[in-house]
Amino acid sequence: MQVWDKNKIDFIEQFKVLFLNRANKVLGVYEVSSGGVTGTVADPRVIFAAALKANCCSIIISHNHPSGNLKPSRQDEELTEKIKQAGQLLEIKLLDHLIVCNEGYFSFADEGVL
């Protein structure tokens, strides 16, 4: 939650990626996109271009829902699967996809849907 702007989390949707090394230490956080009230673009090519430059071993993707609804949309589920498959080809493991808001978070890994 430290990387989220408290003034924007309930206002516009943003998509961020955490890059981790082999020991799961955070190498950095990259803001992939910042969009509107109902969505933002998360291009897997942009995500993995940055991941390769960071020389990371795994990633955690995250985005916020300004509505406060933590339930993943169908698009969230499809994007998660697409990024997971692309990561397998590049040997960059997708550890989790987090949906956040001021009231809490939803973890794809914790819910067993990753």
N, C-alpha and C. Protein backbone atom coordinates (compact mmCIF):
# COMPACT_ATOMS: atom_id res chain seq x y z
N MET A 1 0.83 -1.21 0.00
CA MET A 1 0.00 0.00 0.00
C MET A 1 0.87 1.27 0.00
N GLN A 2 2.14 1.11 0.37
CA GLN A 2 3.03 2.27 0.41
C GLN A 2 3.25 2.90 -0.95
N VAL A 3 3.12 2.13 -2.02
CA VAL A 3 3.38 2.66 -3.36
C VAL A 3 2.14 3.28 -4.00
N TRP A 4 1.02 3.24 -3.32
CA TRP A 4 -0.22 3.79 -3.87
C TRP A 4 -0.44 5.20 -3.34
N ASP A 5 -0.81 6.11 -4.21
CA ASP A 5 -1.13 7.48 -3.84
C ASP A 5 -2.53 7.50 -3.24
N LYS A 6 -2.63 7.82 -1.98
CA LYS A 6 -3.93 7.82 -1.28
C LYS A 6 -4.93 8.79 -1.91
N ASN A 7 -4.43 9.82 -2.61
CA ASN A 7 -5.33 10.77 -3.26
C ASN A 7 -5.88 10.26 -4.59
N LYS A 8 -5.26 9.19 -5.14
CA LYS A 8 -5.70 8.67 -6.43
C LYS A 8 -6.37 7.30 -6.34
N ILE A 9 -6.13 6.56 -5.28
CA ILE A 9 -6.59 5.17 -5.21
C ILE A 9 -8.12 5.04 -5.34
N ASP A 10 -8.86 6.03 -4.88
CA ASP A 10 -10.31 6.01 -5.00
C ASP A 10 -10.81 6.85 -6.18
N PHE A 11 -9.88 7.35 -6.98
CA PHE A 11 -10.25 8.28 -8.05
C PHE A 11 -10.00 7.71 -9.45
N ILE A 12 -8.79 7.20 -9.71
CA ILE A 12 -8.46 6.65 -11.03
C ILE A 12 -7.80 5.28 -10.87
N GLU A 13 -7.98 4.45 -11.89
CA GLU A 13 -7.39 3.12 -11.86
C GLU A 13 -5.95 3.18 -12.35
N GLN A 14 -5.07 2.50 -11.61
CA GLN A 14 -3.66 2.42 -11.95
C GLN A 14 -3.22 0.96 -11.92
N PHE A 15 -2.17 0.65 -12.66
CA PHE A 15 -1.65 -0.71 -12.73
C PHE A 15 -0.16 -0.65 -12.44
N LYS A 16 0.29 -1.45 -11.47
CA LYS A 16 1.70 -1.45 -11.05
C LYS A 16 2.23 -2.87 -10.99
N VAL A 17 3.55 -2.99 -11.13
CA VAL A 17 4.22 -4.28 -11.06
C VAL A 17 5.37 -4.20 -10.08
N LEU A 18 5.47 -5.20 -9.23
CA LEU A 18 6.62 -5.34 -8.33
C LEU A 18 7.56 -6.35 -8.95
N PHE A 19 8.84 -5.98 -9.05
CA PHE A 19 9.86 -6.88 -9.57
C PHE A 19 10.62 -7.48 -8.39
N LEU A 20 10.78 -8.81 -8.40
CA LEU A 20 11.44 -9.49 -7.29
C LEU A 20 12.62 -10.31 -7.79
N ASN A 21 13.63 -10.43 -6.92
CA ASN A 21 14.77 -11.28 -7.26
C ASN A 21 14.48 -12.71 -6.84
N ARG A 22 15.46 -13.57 -6.95
CA ARG A 22 15.26 -15.00 -6.65
C ARG A 22 14.87 -15.24 -5.19
N ALA A 23 15.31 -14.36 -4.29
CA ALA A 23 14.98 -14.47 -2.86
C ALA A 23 13.70 -13.72 -2.51
N ASN A 24 12.94 -13.29 -3.53
CA ASN A 24 11.69 -12.54 -3.36
C ASN A 24 11.88 -11.19 -2.67
N LYS A 25 13.03 -10.61 -2.84
CA LYS A 25 13.28 -9.23 -2.37
C LYS A 25 12.85 -8.29 -3.49
N VAL A 26 12.19 -7.22 -3.14
CA VAL A 26 11.69 -6.27 -4.13
C VAL A 26 12.85 -5.49 -4.75
N LEU A 27 12.96 -5.61 -6.07
CA LEU A 27 13.97 -4.85 -6.81
C LEU A 27 13.46 -3.48 -7.20
N GLY A 28 12.15 -3.37 -7.37
CA GLY A 28 11.56 -2.10 -7.75
C GLY A 28 10.08 -2.23 -8.03
N VAL A 29 9.45 -1.09 -8.19
CA VAL A 29 8.03 -1.02 -8.51
C VAL A 29 7.90 -0.16 -9.76
N TYR A 30 7.12 -0.63 -10.70
CA TYR A 30 6.94 0.08 -11.97
C TYR A 30 5.46 0.35 -12.19
N GLU A 31 5.13 1.62 -12.45
CA GLU A 31 3.74 1.97 -12.77
C GLU A 31 3.57 1.79 -14.28
N VAL A 32 2.82 0.77 -14.63
CA VAL A 32 2.60 0.42 -16.03
C VAL A 32 1.66 1.41 -16.69
N SER A 33 0.59 1.77 -15.99
CA SER A 33 -0.37 2.69 -16.58
C SER A 33 -1.23 3.36 -15.52
N SER A 34 -1.79 4.47 -15.92
CA SER A 34 -2.72 5.22 -15.10
C SER A 34 -3.86 5.61 -16.03
N GLY A 35 -5.07 5.24 -15.66
CA GLY A 35 -6.19 5.42 -16.58
C GLY A 35 -7.29 6.29 -16.07
N GLY A 36 -8.50 5.82 -16.30
CA GLY A 36 -9.68 6.57 -15.91
C GLY A 36 -10.37 5.94 -14.71
N VAL A 37 -11.60 6.30 -14.52
CA VAL A 37 -12.37 5.84 -13.36
C VAL A 37 -12.71 4.35 -13.48
N THR A 38 -12.91 3.86 -14.70
CA THR A 38 -13.36 2.48 -14.86
C THR A 38 -12.33 1.54 -15.46
N GLY A 39 -11.13 2.01 -15.76
CA GLY A 39 -10.16 1.09 -16.31
C GLY A 39 -8.85 1.74 -16.69
N THR A 40 -7.86 0.88 -16.94
CA THR A 40 -6.56 1.30 -17.43
C THR A 40 -5.99 0.18 -18.27
N VAL A 41 -5.04 0.49 -19.12
CA VAL A 41 -4.45 -0.50 -20.02
C VAL A 41 -3.21 -1.11 -19.37
N ALA A 42 -3.14 -2.42 -19.38
CA ALA A 42 -1.96 -3.13 -18.87
C ALA A 42 -1.45 -4.04 -19.99
N ASP A 43 -0.52 -3.55 -20.77
CA ASP A 43 0.01 -4.28 -21.91
C ASP A 43 1.08 -5.26 -21.43
N PRO A 44 0.87 -6.56 -21.61
CA PRO A 44 1.86 -7.55 -21.17
C PRO A 44 3.25 -7.31 -21.77
N ARG A 45 3.32 -6.79 -22.98
CA ARG A 45 4.63 -6.52 -23.60
C ARG A 45 5.38 -5.45 -22.82
N VAL A 46 4.68 -4.43 -22.36
CA VAL A 46 5.31 -3.37 -21.57
C VAL A 46 5.76 -3.93 -20.23
N ILE A 47 4.91 -4.75 -19.62
CA ILE A 47 5.24 -5.35 -18.32
C ILE A 47 6.51 -6.19 -18.42
N PHE A 48 6.59 -7.05 -19.43
CA PHE A 48 7.74 -7.94 -19.52
C PHE A 48 8.98 -7.25 -20.08
N ALA A 49 8.82 -6.20 -20.86
CA ALA A 49 9.99 -5.42 -21.28
C ALA A 49 10.66 -4.82 -20.04
N ALA A 50 9.85 -4.27 -19.14
CA ALA A 50 10.39 -3.69 -17.91
C ALA A 50 10.95 -4.78 -16.99
N ALA A 51 10.28 -5.93 -16.92
CA ALA A 51 10.74 -7.03 -16.07
C ALA A 51 12.10 -7.55 -16.54
N LEU A 52 12.28 -7.66 -17.85
CA LEU A 52 13.57 -8.11 -18.38
C LEU A 52 14.67 -7.10 -18.10
N LYS A 53 14.35 -5.82 -18.23
CA LYS A 53 15.34 -4.78 -17.93
C LYS A 53 15.73 -4.79 -16.46
N ALA A 54 14.77 -5.13 -15.59
CA ALA A 54 15.04 -5.19 -14.15
C ALA A 54 15.78 -6.46 -13.75
N ASN A 55 15.88 -7.41 -14.70
CA ASN A 55 16.55 -8.70 -14.46
C ASN A 55 15.92 -9.42 -13.27
N CYS A 56 14.60 -9.41 -13.22
CA CYS A 56 13.90 -10.03 -12.09
C CYS A 56 13.59 -11.50 -12.38
N CYS A 57 13.30 -12.23 -11.32
CA CYS A 57 12.95 -13.65 -11.43
C CYS A 57 11.45 -13.88 -11.32
N SER A 58 10.76 -12.95 -10.68
CA SER A 58 9.32 -13.08 -10.52
C SER A 58 8.69 -11.69 -10.40
N ILE A 59 7.37 -11.67 -10.58
CA ILE A 59 6.63 -10.41 -10.50
C ILE A 59 5.35 -10.60 -9.71
N ILE A 60 4.87 -9.50 -9.17
CA ILE A 60 3.53 -9.40 -8.59
C ILE A 60 2.87 -8.23 -9.29
N ILE A 61 1.75 -8.49 -9.94
CA ILE A 61 1.02 -7.41 -10.60
C ILE A 61 -0.08 -6.91 -9.66
N SER A 62 -0.43 -5.65 -9.80
CA SER A 62 -1.48 -5.10 -8.94
C SER A 62 -2.16 -3.93 -9.63
N HIS A 63 -3.41 -3.78 -9.31
CA HIS A 63 -4.14 -2.60 -9.76
C HIS A 63 -5.22 -2.30 -8.73
N ASN A 64 -5.71 -1.09 -8.80
CA ASN A 64 -6.75 -0.69 -7.85
C ASN A 64 -8.11 -0.63 -8.54
N HIS A 65 -9.14 -0.76 -7.75
CA HIS A 65 -10.52 -0.56 -8.20
C HIS A 65 -11.06 0.67 -7.46
N PRO A 66 -11.14 1.82 -8.14
CA PRO A 66 -11.65 3.02 -7.48
C PRO A 66 -13.04 2.85 -6.88
N SER A 67 -13.81 1.91 -7.40
CA SER A 67 -15.17 1.68 -6.89
C SER A 67 -15.16 1.10 -5.47
N GLY A 68 -14.03 0.52 -5.08
CA GLY A 68 -13.95 -0.15 -3.79
C GLY A 68 -14.37 -1.61 -3.85
N ASN A 69 -14.89 -2.05 -5.00
CA ASN A 69 -15.28 -3.45 -5.19
C ASN A 69 -14.02 -4.27 -5.46
N LEU A 70 -13.74 -5.24 -4.61
CA LEU A 70 -12.52 -6.03 -4.75
C LEU A 70 -12.70 -7.28 -5.61
N LYS A 71 -13.91 -7.53 -6.08
CA LYS A 71 -14.15 -8.72 -6.91
C LYS A 71 -13.50 -8.53 -8.28
N PRO A 72 -12.67 -9.51 -8.72
CA PRO A 72 -12.03 -9.39 -10.03
C PRO A 72 -13.05 -9.47 -11.16
N SER A 73 -12.83 -8.67 -12.19
CA SER A 73 -13.68 -8.72 -13.37
C SER A 73 -13.19 -9.85 -14.28
N ARG A 74 -13.97 -10.15 -15.29
CA ARG A 74 -13.56 -11.15 -16.28
C ARG A 74 -12.27 -10.72 -16.97
N GLN A 75 -12.16 -9.42 -17.25
CA GLN A 75 -10.95 -8.89 -17.88
C GLN A 75 -9.73 -9.06 -16.95
N ASP A 76 -9.93 -8.87 -15.64
CA ASP A 76 -8.85 -9.08 -14.67
C ASP A 76 -8.37 -10.53 -14.72
N GLU A 77 -9.31 -11.45 -14.77
CA GLU A 77 -8.98 -12.88 -14.80
C GLU A 77 -8.25 -13.25 -16.09
N GLU A 78 -8.72 -12.72 -17.22
CA GLU A 78 -8.09 -13.01 -18.51
C GLU A 78 -6.68 -12.44 -18.58
N LEU A 79 -6.50 -11.22 -18.10
CA LEU A 79 -5.18 -10.60 -18.10
C LEU A 79 -4.22 -11.38 -17.21
N THR A 80 -4.70 -11.82 -16.06
CA THR A 80 -3.86 -12.61 -15.15
C THR A 80 -3.36 -13.87 -15.84
N GLU A 81 -4.24 -14.56 -16.51
CA GLU A 81 -3.85 -15.80 -17.21
C GLU A 81 -2.86 -15.51 -18.33
N LYS A 82 -3.10 -14.44 -19.08
CA LYS A 82 -2.21 -14.07 -20.18
C LYS A 82 -0.81 -13.75 -19.66
N ILE A 83 -0.72 -13.00 -18.57
CA ILE A 83 0.58 -12.64 -17.99
C ILE A 83 1.25 -13.86 -17.40
N LYS A 84 0.49 -14.73 -16.78
CA LYS A 84 1.04 -15.97 -16.22
C LYS A 84 1.68 -16.82 -17.32
N GLN A 85 0.98 -16.98 -18.45
CA GLN A 85 1.50 -17.79 -19.55
C GLN A 85 2.74 -17.16 -20.18
N ALA A 86 2.71 -15.85 -20.37
CA ALA A 86 3.87 -15.16 -20.95
C ALA A 86 5.07 -15.28 -20.01
N GLY A 87 4.83 -15.17 -18.73
CA GLY A 87 5.91 -15.31 -17.75
C GLY A 87 6.54 -16.69 -17.77
N GLN A 88 5.72 -17.71 -17.99
CA GLN A 88 6.25 -19.07 -18.06
C GLN A 88 7.23 -19.21 -19.22
N LEU A 89 6.92 -18.61 -20.35
CA LEU A 89 7.82 -18.66 -21.50
C LEU A 89 9.14 -17.96 -21.23
N LEU A 90 9.09 -16.87 -20.47
CA LEU A 90 10.29 -16.09 -20.17
C LEU A 90 10.97 -16.51 -18.88
N GLU A 91 10.39 -17.49 -18.19
CA GLU A 91 10.89 -17.95 -16.88
C GLU A 91 10.89 -16.83 -15.86
N ILE A 92 9.82 -16.02 -15.92
CA ILE A 92 9.56 -14.99 -14.92
C ILE A 92 8.21 -15.34 -14.32
N LYS A 93 8.23 -15.81 -13.09
CA LYS A 93 7.03 -16.35 -12.46
C LYS A 93 6.11 -15.23 -11.95
N LEU A 94 4.82 -15.37 -12.25
CA LEU A 94 3.80 -14.48 -11.70
C LEU A 94 3.41 -15.05 -10.34
N LEU A 95 3.77 -14.34 -9.27
CA LEU A 95 3.49 -14.82 -7.91
C LEU A 95 2.08 -14.48 -7.45
N ASP A 96 1.57 -13.33 -7.89
CA ASP A 96 0.25 -12.91 -7.43
C ASP A 96 -0.27 -11.76 -8.29
N HIS A 97 -1.57 -11.58 -8.24
CA HIS A 97 -2.23 -10.41 -8.80
C HIS A 97 -3.09 -9.86 -7.69
N LEU A 98 -2.80 -8.64 -7.28
CA LEU A 98 -3.53 -8.01 -6.18
C LEU A 98 -4.45 -6.93 -6.73
N ILE A 99 -5.67 -6.91 -6.25
CA ILE A 99 -6.60 -5.82 -6.51
C ILE A 99 -6.72 -5.08 -5.18
N VAL A 100 -6.45 -3.79 -5.19
CA VAL A 100 -6.42 -3.04 -3.94
C VAL A 100 -7.41 -1.89 -3.95
N CYS A 101 -7.80 -1.50 -2.75
CA CYS A 101 -8.56 -0.26 -2.52
C CYS A 101 -8.25 0.15 -1.09
N ASN A 102 -8.75 1.28 -0.68
CA ASN A 102 -8.45 1.77 0.68
C ASN A 102 -8.94 0.82 1.77
N GLU A 103 -9.97 0.02 1.48
CA GLU A 103 -10.56 -0.85 2.49
C GLU A 103 -9.89 -2.22 2.59
N GLY A 104 -9.04 -2.59 1.61
CA GLY A 104 -8.43 -3.91 1.66
C GLY A 104 -7.88 -4.34 0.33
N TYR A 105 -7.81 -5.65 0.13
CA TYR A 105 -7.26 -6.18 -1.11
C TYR A 105 -7.83 -7.56 -1.41
N PHE A 106 -7.69 -7.96 -2.67
CA PHE A 106 -8.03 -9.30 -3.13
C PHE A 106 -6.76 -9.88 -3.71
N SER A 107 -6.39 -11.08 -3.30
CA SER A 107 -5.20 -11.76 -3.79
C SER A 107 -5.60 -12.99 -4.60
N PHE A 108 -5.22 -13.03 -5.87
CA PHE A 108 -5.49 -14.19 -6.69
C PHE A 108 -4.82 -15.43 -6.10
N ALA A 109 -3.60 -15.28 -5.58
CA ALA A 109 -2.88 -16.42 -5.01
C ALA A 109 -3.57 -16.91 -3.75
N ASP A 110 -3.95 -16.01 -2.85
CA ASP A 110 -4.62 -16.41 -1.60
C ASP A 110 -5.95 -17.12 -1.87
N GLU A 111 -6.62 -16.69 -2.93
CA GLU A 111 -7.92 -17.29 -3.27
C GLU A 111 -7.80 -18.56 -4.13
N GLY A 112 -6.56 -18.92 -4.48
CA GLY A 112 -6.33 -20.14 -5.23
C GLY A 112 -6.75 -20.07 -6.69
N VAL A 113 -6.79 -18.88 -7.25
CA VAL A 113 -7.21 -18.74 -8.64
C VAL A 113 -6.04 -18.33 -9.57
N LEU A 114 -4.84 -18.49 -9.08
CA LEU A 114 -3.67 -18.14 -9.89
C LEU A 114 -2.98 -19.39 -10.36
